[in-house]
Every structure is written in structure tokens, then in C-alpha cells.
Amino acid sequence: MTVRLRLSRIGKKKTPFYRIVAIDSRKSRDGEAIEILGTYDGLKSYIVKIDENGIKNWIKKGAQMSESVQKIYKMAKRQGLLIEDSKVSLVKNDNTDRKEEAK
């Protein structure tokens, strides 16, 4: 299994917003990620969060960055926007609670 650090789109139509994720290279662009490492606003070219330790750990394990993630990572380093100790949390849409309440 080859792991890539790449962008996964979560924004709505004509409003690009991306997550920087560690994902199996064979999965689709918006497939299930192994770990979320940051967020990026493509419309404003604004980096919201990047977990520097997470990216470094995946690189040590042999993961490869896509070209776009490399550019965003370099831009974040220049601007001093890297977060060292905190992780970006993923809030999944879980519909199981709604199904139980409806019964």
C-alpha cells in the first residue's frame, strides 16, 4: 500500500475547499482518508491549518506528497502557519443517531 499526501475536496460547487489527507494512492480523490493533516481554502489561497508533525511522520513512513501539497506546505512554512502539537479533527456525518430517534 502506497500512501500519498494529497488534497481531498470538501467544498461546494464553485467554492473549492480542501483537506490535506494521507490516503492510499489507489483510492479516489474523495475516498476514505487514513488521516486528515490540514485544510486549505482554494478560493482565497488561504491555509487554514496544517499539522506539521503529522506530515513529517508520514514522510518518515515513506508517504509521498503530491505537487499541490508540496506547494501548500512550502507556502505554510514561509508564512509560519504550521501547527506542531494539535491535530485537525474530522467530524463525520453520522446518521445512526437520527435513525434511533425516529423509532
Protein backbone atom coordinates (compact mmCIF):
# COMPACT_ATOMS: atom_id res chain seq x y z
CA MET A 1 0.00 0.00 0.00
CA THR A 2 1.49 3.31 -1.13
CA VAL A 3 0.39 6.31 0.89
CA ARG A 4 0.14 9.75 -0.70
CA LEU A 5 -0.40 13.12 0.92
CA ARG A 6 -2.89 14.87 -1.35
CA LEU A 7 -5.93 17.12 -1.42
CA SER A 8 -9.50 15.91 -0.93
CA ARG A 9 -12.23 18.33 -1.97
CA ILE A 10 -15.00 19.09 0.53
CA GLY A 11 -16.21 22.45 -0.78
CA LYS A 12 -19.49 23.00 -2.54
CA LYS A 13 -19.94 23.84 -6.21
CA LYS A 14 -17.70 26.72 -7.38
CA THR A 15 -16.35 27.13 -3.82
CA PRO A 16 -13.29 24.90 -3.54
CA PHE A 17 -12.21 23.93 -0.03
CA TYR A 18 -9.80 21.09 0.53
CA ARG A 19 -8.49 18.77 3.22
CA ILE A 20 -4.87 17.68 3.16
CA VAL A 21 -5.08 13.93 3.76
CA ALA A 22 -2.96 10.81 3.96
CA ILE A 23 -4.67 8.30 1.69
CA ASP A 24 -3.94 5.08 -0.18
CA SER A 25 -2.82 6.06 -3.68
CA ARG A 26 -5.32 3.66 -5.28
CA LYS A 27 -8.36 5.33 -3.69
CA SER A 28 -10.42 8.02 -5.39
CA ARG A 29 -9.87 11.73 -4.72
CA ASP A 30 -12.61 11.94 -2.11
CA GLY A 31 -12.21 8.38 -0.81
CA GLU A 32 -11.81 7.43 2.84
CA ALA A 33 -8.67 9.03 4.25
CA ILE A 34 -6.27 7.39 6.69
CA GLU A 35 -5.60 10.69 8.47
CA ILE A 36 -6.52 14.34 7.97
CA LEU A 37 -3.49 16.60 8.20
CA GLY A 38 -4.83 20.03 7.37
CA THR A 39 -7.25 22.23 5.48
CA TYR A 40 -6.82 24.67 2.60
CA ASP A 41 -9.19 27.27 1.13
CA GLY A 42 -8.61 27.12 -2.63
CA LEU A 43 -10.73 30.14 -3.47
CA LYS A 44 -8.70 32.54 -1.34
CA SER A 45 -5.43 30.54 -1.44
CA TYR A 46 -5.55 30.59 2.35
CA ILE A 47 -4.16 27.82 4.55
CA VAL A 48 -6.44 27.19 7.49
CA LYS A 49 -4.46 24.51 9.37
CA ILE A 50 -1.60 22.13 8.70
CA ASP A 51 -0.33 19.54 11.19
CA GLU A 52 3.45 19.65 10.70
CA ASN A 53 4.21 16.65 12.92
CA GLY A 54 1.65 14.54 11.09
CA ILE A 55 3.15 15.37 7.71
CA LYS A 56 6.69 14.69 8.94
CA ASN A 57 5.60 11.33 10.42
CA TRP A 58 4.01 10.23 7.14
CA ILE A 59 7.08 11.30 5.16
CA LYS A 60 9.27 9.21 7.52
CA LYS A 61 6.98 6.23 6.87
CA GLY A 62 7.51 6.61 3.12
CA ALA A 63 4.49 8.62 2.03
CA GLN A 64 4.87 10.92 -0.96
CA MET A 65 3.41 14.41 -1.31
CA SER A 66 1.50 15.46 -4.39
CA GLU A 67 2.75 18.58 -6.18
CA SER A 68 -0.11 20.70 -4.86
CA VAL A 69 0.50 19.63 -1.25
CA GLN A 70 4.22 20.39 -1.65
CA LYS A 71 3.39 23.93 -2.79
CA ILE A 72 0.91 24.47 0.05
CA TYR A 73 3.38 23.07 2.62
CA LYS A 74 6.17 25.37 1.42
CA MET A 75 3.80 28.35 1.47
CA ALA A 76 2.73 27.48 5.03
CA LYS A 77 6.37 27.24 6.14
CA ARG A 78 7.13 30.68 4.71
CA GLN A 79 4.08 32.21 6.40
CA GLY A 80 4.63 30.41 9.72
CA LEU A 81 1.21 28.72 9.69
CA LEU A 82 2.28 25.21 10.68
CA ILE A 83 0.70 23.71 13.80
CA GLU A 84 3.08 21.44 15.69
CA ASP A 85 1.12 19.86 18.54
CA SER A 86 -2.53 19.83 17.54
CA LYS A 87 -4.29 17.64 15.04
CA VAL A 88 -7.07 18.63 12.69
CA SER A 89 -10.24 16.88 13.78
CA LEU A 90 -12.68 15.25 11.41
CA VAL A 91 -16.37 15.50 12.17
CA LYS A 92 -18.17 12.70 10.35
CA ASN A 93 -21.81 12.96 9.48
CA ASP A 94 -23.27 10.07 11.45
CA ASN A 95 -26.92 9.37 10.66
CA THR A 96 -27.26 6.47 13.10
CA ASP A 97 -28.45 8.78 15.90
CA ARG A 98 -31.26 10.15 13.73
CA LYS A 99 -32.44 6.66 12.83
CA GLU A 100 -32.64 5.67 16.51
CA GLU A 101 -34.53 8.85 17.44
CA ALA A 102 -37.09 8.28 14.67
CA LYS A 103 -38.03 4.82 16.01
